[in-house]
Amino acid sequence: MASQPAPSSPAMRRTGLLAGGLALAMLALGFAAVPLYRMFCQATGFGGTPARAASDLGVRAQVGRQMSVRFDANVDPGMPWRFHPRQRLQQVTIGQRNLAIYEATNTSGKVITGAASFNVAPDEAARYFTKIACFCFTQQVLQPGQSVSMPVSYYIDPKILDDKDLKGLEQITLSYTFHPVPTEK
């Protein structure tokens, strides 16, 4: 018994093209979701994402107003790096530019590329924690056994003092986690 081809009508062809186009659009949105979400968080401070500034020009330090910044460091499980802040805590003047140093060591016998994700806690303070320069803006490549110092230049925007939800806030935590970046073989 010979099989006959399924009838092909313009409506079926159109439905197939529509379904294929929809599948491609969903795939494209899936890839675009992460960078779009990161841009959204960067713009709004949502989810503990701190603001990013080209410089601290125009920001004046608030004389006598201080806050503690605690530094935290983590690595993805299985990533052969040691990573830690050189200082665990800094007492900073609000509005004044500050520098913190993190250190990383590749403990493996091969080149490892890492990317740092970051978070500020409490989440509501993220919009006022402004990083001017940071190792987290680019991927870091460490050779076998290499150790590097990684600076973070930042300030706390004086507008934090006007935020009713953050009255009495005495400490902000800046946390980084390094993740391995797959390399092409």
N, C-alpha and C. Protein backbone atom coordinates (compact mmCIF):
# COMPACT_ATOMS: atom_id res chain seq x y z
N MET A 1 0.84 -1.16 0.00
CA MET A 1 0.00 0.00 0.00
C MET A 1 0.89 1.23 0.00
N ALA A 2 0.72 2.08 -0.94
CA ALA A 2 1.52 3.28 -1.10
C ALA A 2 0.95 4.39 -0.22
N SER A 3 1.86 5.09 0.46
CA SER A 3 1.36 6.19 1.29
C SER A 3 1.23 7.43 0.43
N GLN A 4 0.21 8.16 0.71
CA GLN A 4 -0.03 9.38 -0.05
C GLN A 4 0.46 10.57 0.76
N PRO A 5 1.05 11.56 0.09
CA PRO A 5 1.49 12.74 0.82
C PRO A 5 0.30 13.47 1.43
N ALA A 6 0.55 14.08 2.57
CA ALA A 6 -0.51 14.84 3.25
C ALA A 6 -0.89 16.03 2.38
N PRO A 7 -2.16 16.35 2.37
CA PRO A 7 -2.59 17.48 1.57
C PRO A 7 -1.92 18.78 2.08
N SER A 8 -1.48 19.59 1.15
CA SER A 8 -0.80 20.83 1.49
C SER A 8 -1.66 21.99 1.04
N SER A 9 -2.11 22.75 2.00
CA SER A 9 -2.94 23.89 1.65
C SER A 9 -2.22 25.16 2.10
N PRO A 10 -2.59 26.30 1.53
CA PRO A 10 -1.97 27.56 1.96
C PRO A 10 -2.19 27.82 3.46
N ALA A 11 -3.32 27.42 4.00
CA ALA A 11 -3.58 27.63 5.43
C ALA A 11 -2.61 26.82 6.29
N MET A 12 -2.33 25.59 5.89
CA MET A 12 -1.40 24.75 6.66
C MET A 12 0.02 25.29 6.55
N ARG A 13 0.39 25.76 5.37
CA ARG A 13 1.72 26.32 5.16
C ARG A 13 1.89 27.59 6.02
N ARG A 14 0.86 28.41 6.04
CA ARG A 14 0.89 29.63 6.83
C ARG A 14 0.99 29.30 8.33
N THR A 15 0.25 28.32 8.77
CA THR A 15 0.31 27.90 10.18
C THR A 15 1.70 27.39 10.53
N GLY A 16 2.30 26.62 9.65
CA GLY A 16 3.66 26.11 9.87
C GLY A 16 4.68 27.23 9.94
N LEU A 17 4.58 28.19 9.03
CA LEU A 17 5.50 29.33 9.04
C LEU A 17 5.31 30.17 10.31
N LEU A 18 4.07 30.37 10.71
CA LEU A 18 3.78 31.14 11.92
C LEU A 18 4.35 30.43 13.15
N ALA A 19 4.18 29.12 13.24
CA ALA A 19 4.70 28.36 14.37
C ALA A 19 6.23 28.40 14.39
N GLY A 20 6.85 28.26 13.23
CA GLY A 20 8.32 28.33 13.14
C GLY A 20 8.83 29.71 13.51
N GLY A 21 8.16 30.76 13.03
CA GLY A 21 8.56 32.12 13.36
C GLY A 21 8.42 32.40 14.84
N LEU A 22 7.34 31.90 15.43
CA LEU A 22 7.12 32.07 16.86
C LEU A 22 8.20 31.36 17.67
N ALA A 23 8.57 30.16 17.23
CA ALA A 23 9.64 29.41 17.92
C ALA A 23 10.96 30.17 17.85
N LEU A 24 11.29 30.73 16.70
CA LEU A 24 12.52 31.51 16.55
C LEU A 24 12.49 32.77 17.41
N ALA A 25 11.34 33.43 17.46
CA ALA A 25 11.21 34.63 18.28
C ALA A 25 11.41 34.30 19.76
N MET A 26 10.84 33.19 20.22
CA MET A 26 11.02 32.79 21.62
C MET A 26 12.48 32.45 21.91
N LEU A 27 13.16 31.81 20.97
CA LEU A 27 14.57 31.49 21.13
C LEU A 27 15.39 32.78 21.24
N ALA A 28 15.11 33.74 20.37
CA ALA A 28 15.83 35.02 20.39
C ALA A 28 15.58 35.76 21.70
N LEU A 29 14.34 35.76 22.18
CA LEU A 29 14.04 36.41 23.46
C LEU A 29 14.74 35.71 24.63
N GLY A 30 14.87 34.41 24.53
CA GLY A 30 15.57 33.66 25.57
C GLY A 30 17.03 34.10 25.69
N PHE A 31 17.69 34.30 24.55
CA PHE A 31 19.07 34.77 24.57
C PHE A 31 19.17 36.23 24.98
N ALA A 32 18.19 37.04 24.63
CA ALA A 32 18.22 38.47 24.94
C ALA A 32 17.79 38.75 26.38
N ALA A 33 17.15 37.81 27.04
CA ALA A 33 16.59 38.06 28.37
C ALA A 33 17.66 38.44 29.40
N VAL A 34 18.78 37.74 29.41
CA VAL A 34 19.81 38.01 30.42
C VAL A 34 20.39 39.41 30.27
N PRO A 35 20.86 39.81 29.06
CA PRO A 35 21.38 41.18 28.96
C PRO A 35 20.31 42.24 29.20
N LEU A 36 19.09 41.99 28.77
CA LEU A 36 18.02 42.97 29.00
C LEU A 36 17.71 43.10 30.48
N TYR A 37 17.68 41.98 31.19
CA TYR A 37 17.42 42.02 32.62
C TYR A 37 18.56 42.74 33.35
N ARG A 38 19.81 42.47 32.94
CA ARG A 38 20.96 43.15 33.55
C ARG A 38 20.87 44.66 33.34
N MET A 39 20.49 45.10 32.12
CA MET A 39 20.35 46.53 31.85
C MET A 39 19.24 47.13 32.71
N PHE A 40 18.13 46.40 32.84
CA PHE A 40 17.02 46.87 33.67
C PHE A 40 17.48 47.04 35.12
N CYS A 41 18.16 46.03 35.64
CA CYS A 41 18.63 46.08 37.03
C CYS A 41 19.65 47.20 37.22
N GLN A 42 20.53 47.39 36.24
CA GLN A 42 21.54 48.45 36.33
C GLN A 42 20.88 49.82 36.37
N ALA A 43 19.81 49.99 35.57
CA ALA A 43 19.14 51.29 35.49
C ALA A 43 18.30 51.59 36.72
N THR A 44 17.72 50.55 37.32
CA THR A 44 16.78 50.77 38.42
C THR A 44 17.33 50.44 39.80
N GLY A 45 18.46 49.70 39.87
CA GLY A 45 18.97 49.25 41.16
C GLY A 45 18.20 48.05 41.68
N PHE A 46 17.33 47.48 40.84
CA PHE A 46 16.52 46.33 41.22
C PHE A 46 17.41 45.12 41.48
N GLY A 47 17.06 44.33 42.46
CA GLY A 47 17.76 43.09 42.72
C GLY A 47 19.17 43.26 43.27
N GLY A 48 19.45 44.42 43.87
CA GLY A 48 20.76 44.62 44.49
C GLY A 48 21.85 44.98 43.51
N THR A 49 21.50 45.36 42.29
CA THR A 49 22.50 45.75 41.30
C THR A 49 22.88 47.20 41.50
N PRO A 50 24.15 47.46 41.79
CA PRO A 50 24.55 48.85 42.02
C PRO A 50 24.63 49.65 40.74
N ALA A 51 24.57 50.95 40.89
CA ALA A 51 24.70 51.86 39.75
C ALA A 51 26.15 51.86 39.28
N ARG A 52 26.35 52.31 38.05
CA ARG A 52 27.68 52.37 37.46
C ARG A 52 27.89 53.78 36.95
N ALA A 53 28.99 54.42 37.33
CA ALA A 53 29.24 55.80 36.94
C ALA A 53 30.55 55.91 36.18
N ALA A 54 30.60 56.88 35.27
CA ALA A 54 31.84 57.13 34.54
C ALA A 54 32.85 57.83 35.45
N SER A 55 32.37 58.65 36.38
CA SER A 55 33.24 59.31 37.35
C SER A 55 32.39 59.76 38.52
N ASP A 56 33.06 60.29 39.51
CA ASP A 56 32.35 60.79 40.68
C ASP A 56 32.30 62.31 40.69
N LEU A 57 32.54 62.95 39.54
CA LEU A 57 32.48 64.40 39.45
C LEU A 57 31.09 64.88 39.81
N GLY A 58 31.02 65.94 40.57
CA GLY A 58 29.72 66.50 40.92
C GLY A 58 29.13 65.91 42.19
N VAL A 59 29.76 64.90 42.77
CA VAL A 59 29.26 64.32 44.01
C VAL A 59 30.12 64.87 45.15
N ARG A 60 29.47 65.46 46.12
CA ARG A 60 30.19 66.03 47.26
C ARG A 60 30.06 65.13 48.47
N ALA A 61 31.16 64.98 49.17
CA ALA A 61 31.14 64.18 50.39
C ALA A 61 30.30 64.90 51.45
N GLN A 62 29.59 64.10 52.21
CA GLN A 62 28.80 64.63 53.31
C GLN A 62 29.67 64.60 54.56
N VAL A 63 30.12 65.78 54.99
CA VAL A 63 31.04 65.89 56.11
C VAL A 63 30.44 65.21 57.33
N GLY A 64 31.21 64.27 57.86
CA GLY A 64 30.81 63.61 59.10
C GLY A 64 29.84 62.45 58.94
N ARG A 65 29.23 62.30 57.78
CA ARG A 65 28.27 61.20 57.60
C ARG A 65 29.02 59.98 57.11
N GLN A 66 29.06 58.97 57.95
CA GLN A 66 29.81 57.76 57.62
C GLN A 66 28.91 56.54 57.58
N MET A 67 29.39 55.53 56.89
CA MET A 67 28.69 54.26 56.77
C MET A 67 29.74 53.17 56.62
N SER A 68 29.42 51.97 57.06
CA SER A 68 30.32 50.83 56.90
C SER A 68 29.98 50.10 55.60
N VAL A 69 31.02 49.66 54.91
CA VAL A 69 30.84 48.80 53.74
C VAL A 69 31.57 47.50 54.04
N ARG A 70 30.82 46.41 53.99
CA ARG A 70 31.38 45.08 54.22
C ARG A 70 31.60 44.42 52.87
N PHE A 71 32.70 43.69 52.73
CA PHE A 71 33.05 43.06 51.46
C PHE A 71 33.00 41.55 51.60
N ASP A 72 32.42 40.90 50.60
CA ASP A 72 32.24 39.46 50.59
C ASP A 72 32.73 38.92 49.26
N ALA A 73 33.28 37.71 49.26
CA ALA A 73 33.80 37.10 48.04
C ALA A 73 33.49 35.61 48.03
N ASN A 74 33.08 35.12 46.86
CA ASN A 74 32.75 33.71 46.68
C ASN A 74 33.21 33.26 45.30
N VAL A 75 33.40 31.96 45.14
CA VAL A 75 33.65 31.39 43.81
C VAL A 75 32.64 30.28 43.58
N ASP A 76 32.30 30.11 42.32
CA ASP A 76 31.39 29.04 41.91
C ASP A 76 31.98 27.70 42.36
N PRO A 77 31.14 26.78 42.85
CA PRO A 77 31.68 25.47 43.23
C PRO A 77 32.41 24.83 42.04
N GLY A 78 33.57 24.31 42.32
CA GLY A 78 34.34 23.65 41.27
C GLY A 78 35.29 24.58 40.51
N MET A 79 35.18 25.88 40.74
CA MET A 79 36.10 26.82 40.07
C MET A 79 37.39 26.87 40.90
N PRO A 80 38.52 26.56 40.27
CA PRO A 80 39.77 26.46 41.03
C PRO A 80 40.45 27.80 41.28
N TRP A 81 39.75 28.70 41.92
CA TRP A 81 40.29 30.01 42.28
C TRP A 81 40.13 30.22 43.77
N ARG A 82 41.09 30.93 44.36
CA ARG A 82 40.92 31.51 45.70
C ARG A 82 40.59 32.98 45.44
N PHE A 83 39.61 33.50 46.14
CA PHE A 83 39.13 34.86 45.90
C PHE A 83 38.68 35.44 47.23
N HIS A 84 39.22 36.60 47.59
CA HIS A 84 38.87 37.21 48.87
C HIS A 84 39.13 38.71 48.82
N PRO A 85 38.41 39.46 49.67
CA PRO A 85 38.70 40.89 49.78
C PRO A 85 39.93 41.10 50.66
N ARG A 86 40.75 42.08 50.32
CA ARG A 86 41.92 42.39 51.15
C ARG A 86 41.44 43.00 52.48
N GLN A 87 40.33 43.71 52.44
CA GLN A 87 39.75 44.30 53.64
C GLN A 87 38.32 43.77 53.77
N ARG A 88 37.93 43.42 54.97
CA ARG A 88 36.57 42.91 55.19
C ARG A 88 35.57 44.05 55.41
N LEU A 89 36.05 45.18 55.92
CA LEU A 89 35.16 46.27 56.28
C LEU A 89 35.89 47.59 56.05
N GLN A 90 35.15 48.57 55.52
CA GLN A 90 35.67 49.94 55.39
C GLN A 90 34.65 50.88 55.99
N GLN A 91 35.15 51.86 56.73
CA GLN A 91 34.31 52.94 57.22
C GLN A 91 34.49 54.08 56.22
N VAL A 92 33.41 54.49 55.53
CA VAL A 92 33.53 55.46 54.44
C VAL A 92 32.66 56.69 54.71
N THR A 93 33.09 57.80 54.14
CA THR A 93 32.29 59.02 54.18
C THR A 93 31.36 59.01 52.99
N ILE A 94 30.09 59.23 53.22
CA ILE A 94 29.10 59.23 52.14
C ILE A 94 29.45 60.32 51.14
N GLY A 95 29.48 59.95 49.86
CA GLY A 95 29.81 60.87 48.79
C GLY A 95 31.29 60.90 48.43
N GLN A 96 32.13 60.30 49.25
CA GLN A 96 33.58 60.31 48.99
C GLN A 96 33.98 59.06 48.21
N ARG A 97 34.90 59.25 47.26
CA ARG A 97 35.39 58.13 46.46
C ARG A 97 36.26 57.22 47.33
N ASN A 98 36.06 55.90 47.17
CA ASN A 98 36.77 54.91 47.96
C ASN A 98 37.36 53.84 47.04
N LEU A 99 38.33 53.11 47.58
CA LEU A 99 38.97 52.04 46.83
C LEU A 99 39.03 50.80 47.70
N ALA A 100 38.54 49.70 47.17
CA ALA A 100 38.63 48.40 47.83
C ALA A 100 39.40 47.47 46.90
N ILE A 101 40.12 46.54 47.49
CA ILE A 101 40.93 45.61 46.70
C ILE A 101 40.50 44.18 47.01
N TYR A 102 40.27 43.43 45.95
CA TYR A 102 40.04 41.99 46.05
C TYR A 102 41.26 41.29 45.46
N GLU A 103 41.50 40.06 45.90
CA GLU A 103 42.62 39.28 45.37
C GLU A 103 42.10 37.93 44.90
N ALA A 104 42.64 37.50 43.76
CA ALA A 104 42.25 36.21 43.19
C ALA A 104 43.50 35.44 42.79
N THR A 105 43.46 34.12 42.98
CA THR A 105 44.55 33.25 42.59
C THR A 105 43.97 32.05 41.85
N ASN A 106 44.54 31.75 40.70
CA ASN A 106 44.18 30.55 39.94
C ASN A 106 45.01 29.40 40.51
N THR A 107 44.36 28.47 41.18
CA THR A 107 45.07 27.37 41.82
C THR A 107 45.22 26.15 40.92
N SER A 108 44.76 26.27 39.68
CA SER A 108 44.82 25.13 38.77
C SER A 108 46.08 25.18 37.90
N GLY A 109 46.27 24.17 37.09
CA GLY A 109 47.38 24.11 36.17
C GLY A 109 47.02 24.57 34.77
N LYS A 110 45.87 25.24 34.61
CA LYS A 110 45.47 25.71 33.29
C LYS A 110 44.91 27.13 33.36
N VAL A 111 44.85 27.77 32.21
CA VAL A 111 44.30 29.13 32.13
C VAL A 111 42.80 29.06 32.42
N ILE A 112 42.34 29.95 33.28
CA ILE A 112 40.92 30.00 33.64
C ILE A 112 40.42 31.42 33.43
N THR A 113 39.30 31.54 32.73
CA THR A 113 38.63 32.83 32.55
C THR A 113 37.42 32.86 33.47
N GLY A 114 37.28 33.97 34.19
CA GLY A 114 36.16 34.11 35.12
C GLY A 114 35.43 35.42 34.92
N ALA A 115 34.17 35.41 35.27
CA ALA A 115 33.34 36.62 35.25
C ALA A 115 32.70 36.75 36.63
N ALA A 116 32.71 37.96 37.15
CA ALA A 116 32.17 38.19 38.49
C ALA A 116 30.76 38.76 38.40
N SER A 117 29.86 38.15 39.13
CA SER A 117 28.53 38.74 39.33
C SER A 117 28.58 39.43 40.69
N PHE A 118 27.77 40.45 40.87
CA PHE A 118 27.86 41.23 42.10
C PHE A 118 26.47 41.54 42.62
N ASN A 119 26.43 41.88 43.89
CA ASN A 119 25.18 42.21 44.54
C ASN A 119 25.46 43.16 45.69
N VAL A 120 24.51 44.01 45.95
CA VAL A 120 24.58 44.93 47.09
C VAL A 120 23.40 44.62 48.00
N ALA A 121 23.67 44.56 49.30
CA ALA A 121 22.60 44.34 50.27
C ALA A 121 22.68 45.43 51.33
N PRO A 122 21.56 45.93 51.77
CA PRO A 122 20.20 45.58 51.34
C PRO A 122 19.92 46.06 49.92
N ASP A 123 19.00 45.37 49.26
CA ASP A 123 18.67 45.68 47.87
C ASP A 123 18.33 47.15 47.65
N GLU A 124 17.64 47.75 48.61
CA GLU A 124 17.20 49.14 48.46
C GLU A 124 18.38 50.12 48.40
N ALA A 125 19.53 49.71 48.90
CA ALA A 125 20.70 50.59 48.90
C ALA A 125 21.48 50.52 47.60
N ALA A 126 21.18 49.54 46.76
CA ALA A 126 21.96 49.32 45.53
C ALA A 126 21.97 50.53 44.62
N ARG A 127 20.86 51.24 44.52
CA ARG A 127 20.81 52.39 43.61
C ARG A 127 21.72 53.53 44.06
N TYR A 128 22.15 53.50 45.31
CA TYR A 128 23.03 54.55 45.84
C TYR A 128 24.50 54.12 45.90
N PHE A 129 24.75 52.85 45.65
CA PHE A 129 26.12 52.34 45.66
C PHE A 129 26.63 52.40 44.23
N THR A 130 27.51 53.34 43.95
CA THR A 130 27.94 53.59 42.58
C THR A 130 29.38 53.16 42.38
N LYS A 131 29.59 52.25 41.43
CA LYS A 131 30.94 51.79 41.10
C LYS A 131 31.45 52.61 39.92
N ILE A 132 32.64 53.16 40.08
CA ILE A 132 33.27 53.96 39.03
C ILE A 132 34.14 53.06 38.15
N ALA A 133 34.92 52.19 38.78
CA ALA A 133 35.76 51.23 38.07
C ALA A 133 35.70 49.92 38.83
N CYS A 134 35.64 48.82 38.09
CA CYS A 134 35.51 47.53 38.76
C CYS A 134 35.98 46.40 37.85
N PHE A 135 36.64 45.43 38.45
CA PHE A 135 37.04 44.23 37.73
C PHE A 135 35.83 43.46 37.21
N CYS A 136 34.68 43.70 37.81
CA CYS A 136 33.47 42.97 37.43
C CYS A 136 32.90 43.45 36.09
N PHE A 137 33.41 44.56 35.56
CA PHE A 137 32.92 45.06 34.28
C PHE A 137 33.45 44.25 33.10
N THR A 138 34.52 43.46 33.33
CA THR A 138 35.11 42.65 32.25
C THR A 138 35.45 41.26 32.78
N GLN A 139 35.66 40.34 31.86
CA GLN A 139 36.10 39.00 32.24
C GLN A 139 37.56 39.05 32.66
N GLN A 140 37.93 38.18 33.58
CA GLN A 140 39.30 38.13 34.09
C GLN A 140 39.93 36.81 33.66
N VAL A 141 41.13 36.88 33.09
CA VAL A 141 41.86 35.69 32.65
C VAL A 141 43.08 35.53 33.54
N LEU A 142 43.16 34.40 34.24
CA LEU A 142 44.30 34.12 35.11
C LEU A 142 45.06 32.91 34.59
N GLN A 143 46.35 33.06 34.49
CA GLN A 143 47.24 31.97 34.07
C GLN A 143 47.39 30.99 35.23
N PRO A 144 47.90 29.77 34.97
CA PRO A 144 48.08 28.80 36.05
C PRO A 144 48.94 29.39 37.19
N GLY A 145 48.43 29.34 38.40
CA GLY A 145 49.16 29.82 39.56
C GLY A 145 49.22 31.34 39.71
N GLN A 146 48.65 32.08 38.79
CA GLN A 146 48.73 33.54 38.83
C GLN A 146 47.83 34.11 39.92
N SER A 147 48.34 35.15 40.61
CA SER A 147 47.57 35.91 41.59
C SER A 147 47.48 37.35 41.10
N VAL A 148 46.32 37.95 41.28
CA VAL A 148 46.13 39.35 40.87
C VAL A 148 45.35 40.10 41.94
N SER A 149 45.63 41.40 41.99
CA SER A 149 44.84 42.31 42.83
C SER A 149 43.83 42.98 41.92
N MET A 150 42.59 43.07 42.38
CA MET A 150 41.51 43.63 41.57
C MET A 150 40.83 44.76 42.34
N PRO A 151 41.02 46.00 41.88
CA PRO A 151 40.43 47.14 42.59
C PRO A 151 38.97 47.41 42.21
N VAL A 152 38.27 47.99 43.15
CA VAL A 152 36.91 48.49 42.94
C VAL A 152 36.89 49.93 43.45
N SER A 153 36.60 50.87 42.56
CA SER A 153 36.48 52.27 42.95
C SER A 153 34.98 52.59 43.04
N TYR A 154 34.56 53.16 44.15
CA TYR A 154 33.12 53.36 44.36
C TYR A 154 32.87 54.54 45.29
N TYR A 155 31.61 54.95 45.33
CA TYR A 155 31.16 55.90 46.34
C TYR A 155 29.70 55.62 46.64
N ILE A 156 29.26 56.10 47.79
CA ILE A 156 27.85 56.00 48.17
C ILE A 156 27.23 57.37 47.91
N ASP A 157 26.22 57.38 47.06
CA ASP A 157 25.57 58.62 46.66
C ASP A 157 24.92 59.28 47.88
N PRO A 158 25.17 60.59 48.08
CA PRO A 158 24.57 61.29 49.22
C PRO A 158 23.03 61.27 49.22
N LYS A 159 22.41 60.98 48.09
CA LYS A 159 20.94 60.90 48.04
C LYS A 159 20.40 59.80 48.95
N ILE A 160 21.28 58.88 49.37
CA ILE A 160 20.85 57.82 50.28
C ILE A 160 20.32 58.42 51.58
N LEU A 161 20.83 59.59 51.94
CA LEU A 161 20.41 60.24 53.19
C LEU A 161 18.97 60.75 53.11
N ASP A 162 18.46 60.93 51.88
CA ASP A 162 17.10 61.43 51.70
C ASP A 162 16.08 60.30 51.58
N ASP A 163 16.54 59.06 51.50
CA ASP A 163 15.64 57.92 51.32
C ASP A 163 15.05 57.52 52.67
N LYS A 164 13.74 57.73 52.81
CA LYS A 164 13.07 57.44 54.08
C LYS A 164 13.16 55.96 54.46
N ASP A 165 13.21 55.07 53.44
CA ASP A 165 13.26 53.64 53.71
C ASP A 165 14.63 53.19 54.24
N LEU A 166 15.64 54.04 54.09
CA LEU A 166 16.98 53.66 54.51
C LEU A 166 17.50 54.48 55.70
N LYS A 167 16.61 55.20 56.34
CA LYS A 167 17.01 55.96 57.53
C LYS A 167 17.57 54.97 58.56
N GLY A 168 18.67 55.32 59.14
CA GLY A 168 19.27 54.45 60.15
C GLY A 168 20.15 53.34 59.58
N LEU A 169 20.26 53.24 58.27
CA LEU A 169 21.13 52.22 57.67
C LEU A 169 22.57 52.54 58.03
N GLU A 170 23.27 51.55 58.56
CA GLU A 170 24.65 51.76 58.99
C GLU A 170 25.66 50.95 58.19
N GLN A 171 25.18 49.91 57.47
CA GLN A 171 26.12 49.05 56.75
C GLN A 171 25.53 48.57 55.43
N ILE A 172 26.38 48.58 54.42
CA ILE A 172 26.06 48.04 53.10
C ILE A 172 27.04 46.91 52.84
N THR A 173 26.57 45.83 52.22
CA THR A 173 27.45 44.72 51.87
C THR A 173 27.59 44.64 50.36
N LEU A 174 28.83 44.59 49.89
CA LEU A 174 29.14 44.38 48.47
C LEU A 174 29.67 42.96 48.35
N SER A 175 28.98 42.16 47.56
CA SER A 175 29.33 40.75 47.42
C SER A 175 29.59 40.41 45.96
N TYR A 176 30.66 39.65 45.73
CA TYR A 176 31.00 39.18 44.39
C TYR A 176 31.07 37.66 44.39
N THR A 177 30.66 37.07 43.28
CA THR A 177 30.86 35.64 43.05
C THR A 177 31.49 35.49 41.68
N PHE A 178 32.62 34.78 41.62
CA PHE A 178 33.26 34.50 40.33
C PHE A 178 32.74 33.20 39.78
N HIS A 179 32.43 33.23 38.47
CA HIS A 179 31.93 32.06 37.74
C HIS A 179 32.90 31.76 36.61
N PRO A 180 33.13 30.48 36.29
CA PRO A 180 33.99 30.17 35.16
C PRO A 180 33.29 30.54 33.84
N VAL A 181 34.08 31.01 32.90
CA VAL A 181 33.56 31.33 31.57
C VAL A 181 34.04 30.20 30.64
N PRO A 182 33.11 29.48 30.02
CA PRO A 182 33.53 28.40 29.12
C PRO A 182 34.39 28.96 27.98
N THR A 183 35.47 28.26 27.68
CA THR A 183 36.33 28.67 26.57
C THR A 183 36.10 27.76 25.38
N GLU A 184 36.24 28.33 24.21
CA GLU A 184 36.05 27.53 22.99
C GLU A 184 37.27 26.65 22.79
N LYS A 185 37.02 25.44 22.34
CA LYS A 185 38.12 24.49 22.13
C LYS A 185 38.40 24.32 20.67
